[in-house]
Full PDB file with SEQRES, HELIX, SHEET, SSBOND, CRYST1, ORIGX, SCALE, CONECT and MASTER records, all heavy atoms in Angstrom:
SEQRES   1 A   35  PHE LEU SER ALA ILE LEU LEU LEU ALA ALA LEU CYS VAL          
SEQRES   2 A   35  ILE THR VAL ARG ASN PRO VAL HIS SER ALA LEU PHE LEU          
SEQRES   3 A   35  VAL LEU ALA PHE PHE THR SER ALA GLY                          
HELIX    1 AA1 LEU A    2  THR A   15  1                                  14    
HELIX    2 AA2 PRO A   19  ALA A   34  1                                  16    
CRYST1    1.000    1.000    1.000  90.00  90.00  90.00 P 1           1          
ORIGX1      1.000000  0.000000  0.000000        0.00000                         
ORIGX2      0.000000  1.000000  0.000000        0.00000                         
ORIGX3      0.000000  0.000000  1.000000        0.00000                         
SCALE1      1.000000  0.000000  0.000000        0.00000                         
SCALE2      0.000000  1.000000  0.000000        0.00000                         
SCALE3      0.000000  0.000000  1.000000        0.00000                         
ATOM      1  N   PHE A   1      -6.192  -4.148 -12.532  1.00  0.00           N  
ATOM      2  CA  PHE A   1      -6.467  -4.787 -11.140  1.00  0.00           C  
ATOM      3  C   PHE A   1      -5.314  -4.491 -10.241  1.00  0.00           C  
ATOM      4  O   PHE A   1      -5.435  -4.004  -9.114  1.00  0.00           O  
ATOM      5  CB  PHE A   1      -6.696  -6.242 -11.292  1.00  0.00           C  
ATOM      6  CG  PHE A   1      -6.935  -6.982  -9.978  1.00  0.00           C  
ATOM      7  CD1 PHE A   1      -7.997  -6.712  -9.197  1.00  0.00           C  
ATOM      8  CD2 PHE A   1      -6.013  -7.815  -9.505  1.00  0.00           C  
ATOM      9  CE1 PHE A   1      -8.219  -7.394  -7.976  1.00  0.00           C  
ATOM     10  CE2 PHE A   1      -6.140  -8.456  -8.267  1.00  0.00           C  
ATOM     11  CZ  PHE A   1      -7.291  -8.304  -7.503  1.00  0.00           C  
ATOM     12  N   LEU A   2      -4.086  -4.789 -10.676  1.00  0.00           N  
ATOM     13  CA  LEU A   2      -2.883  -4.535  -9.822  1.00  0.00           C  
ATOM     14  C   LEU A   2      -2.699  -3.058  -9.623  1.00  0.00           C  
ATOM     15  O   LEU A   2      -2.194  -2.666  -8.650  1.00  0.00           O  
ATOM     16  CB  LEU A   2      -1.702  -5.242 -10.488  1.00  0.00           C  
ATOM     17  CG  LEU A   2      -1.608  -6.736 -10.498  1.00  0.00           C  
ATOM     18  CD1 LEU A   2      -0.353  -7.248 -11.198  1.00  0.00           C  
ATOM     19  CD2 LEU A   2      -1.552  -7.232  -9.047  1.00  0.00           C  
ATOM     20  N   SER A   3      -2.920  -2.299 -10.654  1.00  0.00           N  
ATOM     21  CA  SER A   3      -2.771  -0.876 -10.577  1.00  0.00           C  
ATOM     22  C   SER A   3      -3.717  -0.261  -9.529  1.00  0.00           C  
ATOM     23  O   SER A   3      -3.364   0.669  -8.729  1.00  0.00           O  
ATOM     24  CB  SER A   3      -2.926  -0.186 -11.901  1.00  0.00           C  
ATOM     25  OG  SER A   3      -2.007  -0.606 -12.727  1.00  0.00           O  
ATOM     26  N   ALA A   4      -4.961  -0.697  -9.479  1.00  0.00           N  
ATOM     27  CA  ALA A   4      -5.928  -0.256  -8.523  1.00  0.00           C  
ATOM     28  C   ALA A   4      -5.543  -0.614  -7.078  1.00  0.00           C  
ATOM     29  O   ALA A   4      -5.583   0.195  -6.141  1.00  0.00           O  
ATOM     30  CB  ALA A   4      -7.307  -0.861  -8.776  1.00  0.00           C  
ATOM     31  N   ILE A   5      -4.980  -1.857  -6.951  1.00  0.00           N  
ATOM     32  CA  ILE A   5      -4.561  -2.201  -5.597  1.00  0.00           C  
ATOM     33  C   ILE A   5      -3.314  -1.426  -5.125  1.00  0.00           C  
ATOM     34  O   ILE A   5      -3.210  -0.947  -4.058  1.00  0.00           O  
ATOM     35  CB  ILE A   5      -4.200  -3.724  -5.575  1.00  0.00           C  
ATOM     36  CG1 ILE A   5      -5.437  -4.595  -5.746  1.00  0.00           C  
ATOM     37  CG2 ILE A   5      -3.498  -4.160  -4.274  1.00  0.00           C  
ATOM     38  CD1 ILE A   5      -5.160  -6.078  -5.829  1.00  0.00           C  
ATOM     39  N   LEU A   6      -2.447  -1.168  -6.156  1.00  0.00           N  
ATOM     40  CA  LEU A   6      -1.246  -0.304  -5.879  1.00  0.00           C  
ATOM     41  C   LEU A   6      -1.654   1.120  -5.456  1.00  0.00           C  
ATOM     42  O   LEU A   6      -1.163   1.626  -4.531  1.00  0.00           O  
ATOM     43  CB  LEU A   6      -0.311  -0.365  -7.067  1.00  0.00           C  
ATOM     44  CG  LEU A   6       0.950   0.483  -7.015  1.00  0.00           C  
ATOM     45  CD1 LEU A   6       1.797   0.004  -5.810  1.00  0.00           C  
ATOM     46  CD2 LEU A   6       1.664   0.457  -8.285  1.00  0.00           C  
ATOM     47  N   LEU A   7      -2.604   1.713  -6.249  1.00  0.00           N  
ATOM     48  CA  LEU A   7      -2.968   3.091  -5.878  1.00  0.00           C  
ATOM     49  C   LEU A   7      -3.656   3.140  -4.472  1.00  0.00           C  
ATOM     50  O   LEU A   7      -3.492   3.974  -3.683  1.00  0.00           O  
ATOM     51  CB  LEU A   7      -3.843   3.635  -6.914  1.00  0.00           C  
ATOM     52  CG  LEU A   7      -3.213   4.003  -8.271  1.00  0.00           C  
ATOM     53  CD1 LEU A   7      -4.279   4.355  -9.294  1.00  0.00           C  
ATOM     54  CD2 LEU A   7      -2.156   5.118  -8.067  1.00  0.00           C  
ATOM     55  N   LEU A   8      -4.535   2.098  -4.278  1.00  0.00           N  
ATOM     56  CA  LEU A   8      -5.189   2.033  -2.923  1.00  0.00           C  
ATOM     57  C   LEU A   8      -4.237   1.889  -1.775  1.00  0.00           C  
ATOM     58  O   LEU A   8      -4.313   2.490  -0.736  1.00  0.00           O  
ATOM     59  CB  LEU A   8      -6.241   0.923  -3.014  1.00  0.00           C  
ATOM     60  CG  LEU A   8      -7.082   0.836  -1.663  1.00  0.00           C  
ATOM     61  CD1 LEU A   8      -8.024   1.978  -1.526  1.00  0.00           C  
ATOM     62  CD2 LEU A   8      -7.936  -0.437  -1.764  1.00  0.00           C  
ATOM     63  N   ALA A   9      -3.250   0.950  -1.987  1.00  0.00           N  
ATOM     64  CA  ALA A   9      -2.218   0.723  -0.917  1.00  0.00           C  
ATOM     65  C   ALA A   9      -1.314   1.947  -0.722  1.00  0.00           C  
ATOM     66  O   ALA A   9      -1.027   2.323   0.463  1.00  0.00           O  
ATOM     67  CB  ALA A   9      -1.355  -0.536  -1.296  1.00  0.00           C  
ATOM     68  N   ALA A  10      -0.969   2.672  -1.819  1.00  0.00           N  
ATOM     69  CA  ALA A  10      -0.187   3.884  -1.671  1.00  0.00           C  
ATOM     70  C   ALA A  10      -0.962   4.998  -0.950  1.00  0.00           C  
ATOM     71  O   ALA A  10      -0.460   5.720  -0.083  1.00  0.00           O  
ATOM     72  CB  ALA A  10       0.286   4.290  -3.017  1.00  0.00           C  
ATOM     73  N   LEU A  11      -2.268   5.038  -1.150  1.00  0.00           N  
ATOM     74  CA  LEU A  11      -3.129   6.015  -0.506  1.00  0.00           C  
ATOM     75  C   LEU A  11      -3.210   5.659   0.930  1.00  0.00           C  
ATOM     76  O   LEU A  11      -3.169   6.568   1.846  1.00  0.00           O  
ATOM     77  CB  LEU A  11      -4.501   5.991  -1.200  1.00  0.00           C  
ATOM     78  CG  LEU A  11      -5.398   7.141  -0.673  1.00  0.00           C  
ATOM     79  CD1 LEU A  11      -4.900   8.510  -0.958  1.00  0.00           C  
ATOM     80  CD2 LEU A  11      -6.820   6.881  -1.274  1.00  0.00           C  
ATOM     81  N   CYS A  12      -3.307   4.402   1.266  1.00  0.00           N  
ATOM     82  CA  CYS A  12      -3.420   3.979   2.699  1.00  0.00           C  
ATOM     83  C   CYS A  12      -2.092   4.240   3.395  1.00  0.00           C  
ATOM     84  O   CYS A  12      -2.088   4.429   4.596  1.00  0.00           O  
ATOM     85  CB  CYS A  12      -3.764   2.517   2.789  1.00  0.00           C  
ATOM     86  SG  CYS A  12      -5.495   2.318   2.352  1.00  0.00           S  
ATOM     87  N   VAL A  13      -0.957   4.171   2.727  1.00  0.00           N  
ATOM     88  CA  VAL A  13       0.382   4.373   3.324  1.00  0.00           C  
ATOM     89  C   VAL A  13       0.455   5.699   3.998  1.00  0.00           C  
ATOM     90  O   VAL A  13       0.889   6.029   5.024  1.00  0.00           O  
ATOM     91  CB  VAL A  13       1.522   4.155   2.298  1.00  0.00           C  
ATOM     92  CG1 VAL A  13       2.824   4.699   2.848  1.00  0.00           C  
ATOM     93  CG2 VAL A  13       1.696   2.664   1.959  1.00  0.00           C  
ATOM     94  N   ILE A  14      -0.148   6.746   3.174  1.00  0.00           N  
ATOM     95  CA  ILE A  14      -0.061   8.125   3.714  1.00  0.00           C  
ATOM     96  C   ILE A  14      -1.200   8.586   4.616  1.00  0.00           C  
ATOM     97  O   ILE A  14      -1.167   9.670   5.108  1.00  0.00           O  
ATOM     98  CB  ILE A  14       0.264   9.089   2.567  1.00  0.00           C  
ATOM     99  CG1 ILE A  14      -0.866   9.021   1.559  1.00  0.00           C  
ATOM    100  CG2 ILE A  14       1.552   8.817   1.871  1.00  0.00           C  
ATOM    101  CD1 ILE A  14      -0.870  10.080   0.461  1.00  0.00           C  
ATOM    102  N   THR A  15      -2.304   7.825   4.522  1.00  0.00           N  
ATOM    103  CA  THR A  15      -3.445   8.321   5.316  1.00  0.00           C  
ATOM    104  C   THR A  15      -3.742   7.418   6.624  1.00  0.00           C  
ATOM    105  O   THR A  15      -4.446   7.954   7.444  1.00  0.00           O  
ATOM    106  CB  THR A  15      -4.769   8.210   4.431  1.00  0.00           C  
ATOM    107  OG1 THR A  15      -4.902   6.854   3.940  1.00  0.00           O  
ATOM    108  CG2 THR A  15      -4.656   9.210   3.229  1.00  0.00           C  
ATOM    109  N   VAL A  16      -3.192   6.271   6.711  1.00  0.00           N  
ATOM    110  CA  VAL A  16      -3.408   5.468   7.946  1.00  0.00           C  
ATOM    111  C   VAL A  16      -2.727   6.081   9.074  1.00  0.00           C  
ATOM    112  O   VAL A  16      -1.564   6.607   8.986  1.00  0.00           O  
ATOM    113  CB  VAL A  16      -3.004   4.011   7.670  1.00  0.00           C  
ATOM    114  CG1 VAL A  16      -3.008   3.243   8.930  1.00  0.00           C  
ATOM    115  CG2 VAL A  16      -3.855   3.384   6.643  1.00  0.00           C  
ATOM    116  N   ARG A  17      -3.377   6.031  10.307  1.00  0.00           N  
ATOM    117  CA  ARG A  17      -2.827   6.692  11.439  1.00  0.00           C  
ATOM    118  C   ARG A  17      -1.715   5.866  12.107  1.00  0.00           C  
ATOM    119  O   ARG A  17      -0.781   6.424  12.667  1.00  0.00           O  
ATOM    120  CB  ARG A  17      -3.933   7.021  12.433  1.00  0.00           C  
ATOM    121  CG  ARG A  17      -4.897   8.002  12.017  1.00  0.00           C  
ATOM    122  CD  ARG A  17      -6.007   8.171  12.998  1.00  0.00           C  
ATOM    123  NE  ARG A  17      -7.013   9.116  12.470  1.00  0.00           N  
ATOM    124  CZ  ARG A  17      -7.202  10.302  12.908  1.00  0.00           C  
ATOM    125  NH1 ARG A  17      -6.413  10.742  13.942  1.00  0.00           N  
ATOM    126  NH2 ARG A  17      -8.140  11.115  12.435  1.00  0.00           N  
ATOM    127  N   ASN A  18      -1.909   4.519  12.105  1.00  0.00           N  
ATOM    128  CA  ASN A  18      -0.871   3.706  12.784  1.00  0.00           C  
ATOM    129  C   ASN A  18       0.281   3.465  11.792  1.00  0.00           C  
ATOM    130  O   ASN A  18       0.158   3.030  10.663  1.00  0.00           O  
ATOM    131  CB  ASN A  18      -1.625   2.410  13.131  1.00  0.00           C  
ATOM    132  CG  ASN A  18      -0.782   1.485  14.013  1.00  0.00           C  
ATOM    133  OD1 ASN A  18       0.452   1.710  14.128  1.00  0.00           O  
ATOM    134  ND2 ASN A  18      -1.451   0.642  14.683  1.00  0.00           N  
ATOM    135  N   PRO A  19       1.511   3.747  12.322  1.00  0.00           N  
ATOM    136  CA  PRO A  19       2.668   3.577  11.474  1.00  0.00           C  
ATOM    137  C   PRO A  19       2.931   2.060  11.060  1.00  0.00           C  
ATOM    138  O   PRO A  19       3.484   1.793  10.016  1.00  0.00           O  
ATOM    139  CB  PRO A  19       3.849   4.081  12.230  1.00  0.00           C  
ATOM    140  CG  PRO A  19       3.362   4.649  13.503  1.00  0.00           C  
ATOM    141  CD  PRO A  19       1.880   4.282  13.534  1.00  0.00           C  
ATOM    142  N   VAL A  20       2.622   1.135  11.909  1.00  0.00           N  
ATOM    143  CA  VAL A  20       2.752  -0.255  11.608  1.00  0.00           C  
ATOM    144  C   VAL A  20       1.848  -0.638  10.446  1.00  0.00           C  
ATOM    145  O   VAL A  20       2.239  -1.297   9.482  1.00  0.00           O  
ATOM    146  CB  VAL A  20       2.517  -1.201  12.854  1.00  0.00           C  
ATOM    147  CG1 VAL A  20       2.638  -2.579  12.466  1.00  0.00           C  
ATOM    148  CG2 VAL A  20       3.497  -0.793  13.918  1.00  0.00           C  
ATOM    149  N   HIS A  21       0.596  -0.200  10.511  1.00  0.00           N  
ATOM    150  CA  HIS A  21      -0.304  -0.427   9.374  1.00  0.00           C  
ATOM    151  C   HIS A  21       0.161   0.162   8.084  1.00  0.00           C  
ATOM    152  O   HIS A  21       0.029  -0.351   7.005  1.00  0.00           O  
ATOM    153  CB  HIS A  21      -1.784   0.053   9.768  1.00  0.00           C  
ATOM    154  CG  HIS A  21      -2.364  -0.750  10.903  1.00  0.00           C  
ATOM    155  ND1 HIS A  21      -3.401  -0.280  11.636  1.00  0.00           N  
ATOM    156  CD2 HIS A  21      -2.024  -1.900  11.482  1.00  0.00           C  
ATOM    157  CE1 HIS A  21      -3.722  -1.152  12.514  1.00  0.00           C  
ATOM    158  NE2 HIS A  21      -2.894  -2.099  12.479  1.00  0.00           N  
ATOM    159  N   SER A  22       0.659   1.406   8.234  1.00  0.00           N  
ATOM    160  CA  SER A  22       1.191   2.154   7.034  1.00  0.00           C  
ATOM    161  C   SER A  22       2.387   1.266   6.492  1.00  0.00           C  
ATOM    162  O   SER A  22       2.469   1.221   5.221  1.00  0.00           O  
ATOM    163  CB  SER A  22       1.713   3.497   7.562  1.00  0.00           C  
ATOM    164  OG  SER A  22       2.295   4.177   6.426  1.00  0.00           O  
ATOM    165  N   ALA A  23       3.231   0.742   7.254  1.00  0.00           N  
ATOM    166  CA  ALA A  23       4.338  -0.034   6.688  1.00  0.00           C  
ATOM    167  C   ALA A  23       3.781  -1.333   6.033  1.00  0.00           C  
ATOM    168  O   ALA A  23       4.354  -1.755   5.032  1.00  0.00           O  
ATOM    169  CB  ALA A  23       5.306  -0.409   7.874  1.00  0.00           C  
ATOM    170  N   LEU A  24       2.773  -1.972   6.624  1.00  0.00           N  
ATOM    171  CA  LEU A  24       2.214  -3.177   6.000  1.00  0.00           C  
ATOM    172  C   LEU A  24       1.526  -2.781   4.755  1.00  0.00           C  
ATOM    173  O   LEU A  24       1.648  -3.520   3.729  1.00  0.00           O  
ATOM    174  CB  LEU A  24       1.267  -3.751   6.931  1.00  0.00           C  
ATOM    175  CG  LEU A  24       1.880  -4.448   8.185  1.00  0.00           C  
ATOM    176  CD1 LEU A  24       0.850  -4.939   9.179  1.00  0.00           C  
ATOM    177  CD2 LEU A  24       2.757  -5.529   7.846  1.00  0.00           C  
ATOM    178  N   PHE A  25       0.875  -1.658   4.558  1.00  0.00           N  
ATOM    179  CA  PHE A  25       0.372  -1.195   3.290  1.00  0.00           C  
ATOM    180  C   PHE A  25       1.454  -0.909   2.258  1.00  0.00           C  
ATOM    181  O   PHE A  25       1.390  -1.214   1.057  1.00  0.00           O  
ATOM    182  CB  PHE A  25      -0.542  -0.026   3.498  1.00  0.00           C  
ATOM    183  CG  PHE A  25      -1.941  -0.361   3.869  1.00  0.00           C  
ATOM    184  CD1 PHE A  25      -2.407   0.107   5.093  1.00  0.00           C  
ATOM    185  CD2 PHE A  25      -2.798  -1.082   2.986  1.00  0.00           C  
ATOM    186  CE1 PHE A  25      -3.680  -0.212   5.475  1.00  0.00           C  
ATOM    187  CE2 PHE A  25      -4.090  -1.376   3.400  1.00  0.00           C  
ATOM    188  CZ  PHE A  25      -4.545  -0.918   4.605  1.00  0.00           C  
ATOM    189  N   LEU A  26       2.604  -0.480   2.743  1.00  0.00           N  
ATOM    190  CA  LEU A  26       3.700  -0.293   1.842  1.00  0.00           C  
ATOM    191  C   LEU A  26       4.243  -1.585   1.291  1.00  0.00           C  
ATOM    192  O   LEU A  26       4.697  -1.742   0.229  1.00  0.00           O  
ATOM    193  CB  LEU A  26       4.852   0.474   2.494  1.00  0.00           C  
ATOM    194  CG  LEU A  26       5.952   1.034   1.725  1.00  0.00           C  
ATOM    195  CD1 LEU A  26       5.499   1.924   0.572  1.00  0.00           C  
ATOM    196  CD2 LEU A  26       6.988   1.772   2.540  1.00  0.00           C  
ATOM    197  N   VAL A  27       4.246  -2.658   2.206  1.00  0.00           N  
ATOM    198  CA  VAL A  27       4.595  -4.058   1.784  1.00  0.00           C  
ATOM    199  C   VAL A  27       3.633  -4.521   0.626  1.00  0.00           C  
ATOM    200  O   VAL A  27       4.042  -5.059  -0.433  1.00  0.00           O  
ATOM    201  CB  VAL A  27       4.596  -4.945   2.923  1.00  0.00           C  
ATOM    202  CG1 VAL A  27       4.726  -6.422   2.513  1.00  0.00           C  
ATOM    203  CG2 VAL A  27       5.763  -4.650   3.856  1.00  0.00           C  
ATOM    204  N   LEU A  28       2.346  -4.253   0.783  1.00  0.00           N  
ATOM    205  CA  LEU A  28       1.376  -4.593  -0.216  1.00  0.00           C  
ATOM    206  C   LEU A  28       1.647  -3.846  -1.467  1.00  0.00           C  
ATOM    207  O   LEU A  28       1.531  -4.359  -2.585  1.00  0.00           O  
ATOM    208  CB  LEU A  28      -0.107  -4.303   0.254  1.00  0.00           C  
ATOM    209  CG  LEU A  28      -1.250  -4.474  -0.705  1.00  0.00           C  
ATOM    210  CD1 LEU A  28      -1.312  -5.949  -1.092  1.00  0.00           C  
ATOM    211  CD2 LEU A  28      -2.517  -4.115  -0.123  1.00  0.00           C  
ATOM    212  N   ALA A  29       1.997  -2.638  -1.353  1.00  0.00           N  
ATOM    213  CA  ALA A  29       2.379  -1.812  -2.589  1.00  0.00           C  
ATOM    214  C   ALA A  29       3.536  -2.239  -3.320  1.00  0.00           C  
ATOM    215  O   ALA A  29       3.578  -2.439  -4.559  1.00  0.00           O  
ATOM    216  CB  ALA A  29       2.580  -0.286  -2.189  1.00  0.00           C  
ATOM    217  N   PHE A  30       4.536  -2.788  -2.532  1.00  0.00           N  
ATOM    218  CA  PHE A  30       5.765  -3.395  -3.167  1.00  0.00           C  
ATOM    219  C   PHE A  30       5.402  -4.651  -3.892  1.00  0.00           C  
ATOM    220  O   PHE A  30       5.904  -4.994  -4.983  1.00  0.00           O  
ATOM    221  CB  PHE A  30       6.814  -3.632  -2.130  1.00  0.00           C  
ATOM    222  CG  PHE A  30       7.602  -2.438  -1.622  1.00  0.00           C  
ATOM    223  CD1 PHE A  30       8.032  -2.324  -0.382  1.00  0.00           C  
ATOM    224  CD2 PHE A  30       7.755  -1.349  -2.485  1.00  0.00           C  
ATOM    225  CE1 PHE A  30       8.718  -1.187   0.036  1.00  0.00           C  
ATOM    226  CE2 PHE A  30       8.376  -0.253  -2.151  1.00  0.00           C  
ATOM    227  CZ  PHE A  30       8.881  -0.147  -0.794  1.00  0.00           C  
ATOM    228  N   PHE A  31       4.600  -5.521  -3.307  1.00  0.00           N  
ATOM    229  CA  PHE A  31       4.171  -6.736  -3.894  1.00  0.00           C  
ATOM    230  C   PHE A  31       3.353  -6.486  -5.233  1.00  0.00           C  
ATOM    231  O   PHE A  31       3.610  -7.168  -6.228  1.00  0.00           O  
ATOM    232  CB  PHE A  31       3.319  -7.660  -2.955  1.00  0.00           C  
ATOM    233  CG  PHE A  31       4.068  -8.528  -2.125  1.00  0.00           C  
ATOM    234  CD1 PHE A  31       4.238  -8.409  -0.785  1.00  0.00           C  
ATOM    235  CD2 PHE A  31       4.779  -9.635  -2.707  1.00  0.00           C  
ATOM    236  CE1 PHE A  31       4.888  -9.258   0.015  1.00  0.00           C  
ATOM    237  CE2 PHE A  31       5.588 -10.467  -1.959  1.00  0.00           C  
ATOM    238  CZ  PHE A  31       5.621 -10.266  -0.626  1.00  0.00           C  
ATOM    239  N   THR A  32       2.479  -5.601  -5.235  1.00  0.00           N  
ATOM    240  CA  THR A  32       1.665  -5.320  -6.411  1.00  0.00           C  
ATOM    241  C   THR A  32       2.546  -4.634  -7.472  1.00  0.00           C  
ATOM    242  O   THR A  32       2.465  -4.876  -8.704  1.00  0.00           O  
ATOM    243  CB  THR A  32       0.458  -4.391  -6.108  1.00  0.00           C  
ATOM    244  OG1 THR A  32       0.904  -3.234  -5.450  1.00  0.00           O  
ATOM    245  CG2 THR A  32      -0.532  -5.055  -5.335  1.00  0.00           C  
ATOM    246  N   SER A  33       3.590  -3.819  -7.096  1.00  0.00           N  
ATOM    247  CA  SER A  33       4.588  -3.266  -8.046  1.00  0.00           C  
ATOM    248  C   SER A  33       5.336  -4.385  -8.653  1.00  0.00           C  
ATOM    249  O   SER A  33       5.688  -4.410  -9.925  1.00  0.00           O  
ATOM    250  CB  SER A  33       5.505  -2.328  -7.376  1.00  0.00           C  
ATOM    251  OG  SER A  33       4.874  -1.231  -6.827  1.00  0.00           O  
ATOM    252  N   ALA A  34       5.713  -5.496  -7.903  1.00  0.00           N  
ATOM    253  CA  ALA A  34       6.412  -6.596  -8.423  1.00  0.00           C  
ATOM    254  C   ALA A  34       5.559  -7.354  -9.483  1.00  0.00           C  
ATOM    255  O   ALA A  34       5.981  -7.834 -10.414  1.00  0.00           O  
ATOM    256  CB  ALA A  34       6.827  -7.523  -7.263  1.00  0.00           C  
ATOM    257  N   GLY A  35       4.210  -7.435  -9.141  1.00  0.00           N  
ATOM    258  CA  GLY A  35       3.315  -8.025 -10.136  1.00  0.00           C  
ATOM    259  C   GLY A  35       3.234  -7.190 -11.397  1.00  0.00           C  
ATOM    260  O   GLY A  35       3.225  -7.828 -12.491  1.00  0.00           O  
TER     261      GLY A  35                                                      
MASTER        0    0    0    2    0    0    0    6  260    1    0    3          
END                                                                             
């Protein structure tokens, strides 16, 4: 479950057009990595 969220968040980091949204997805990736 955490790995799927991490992969989805990492994919969104590089595909989202807005840099602020990309940074927020990176925060989500960090939280799931901590999990």
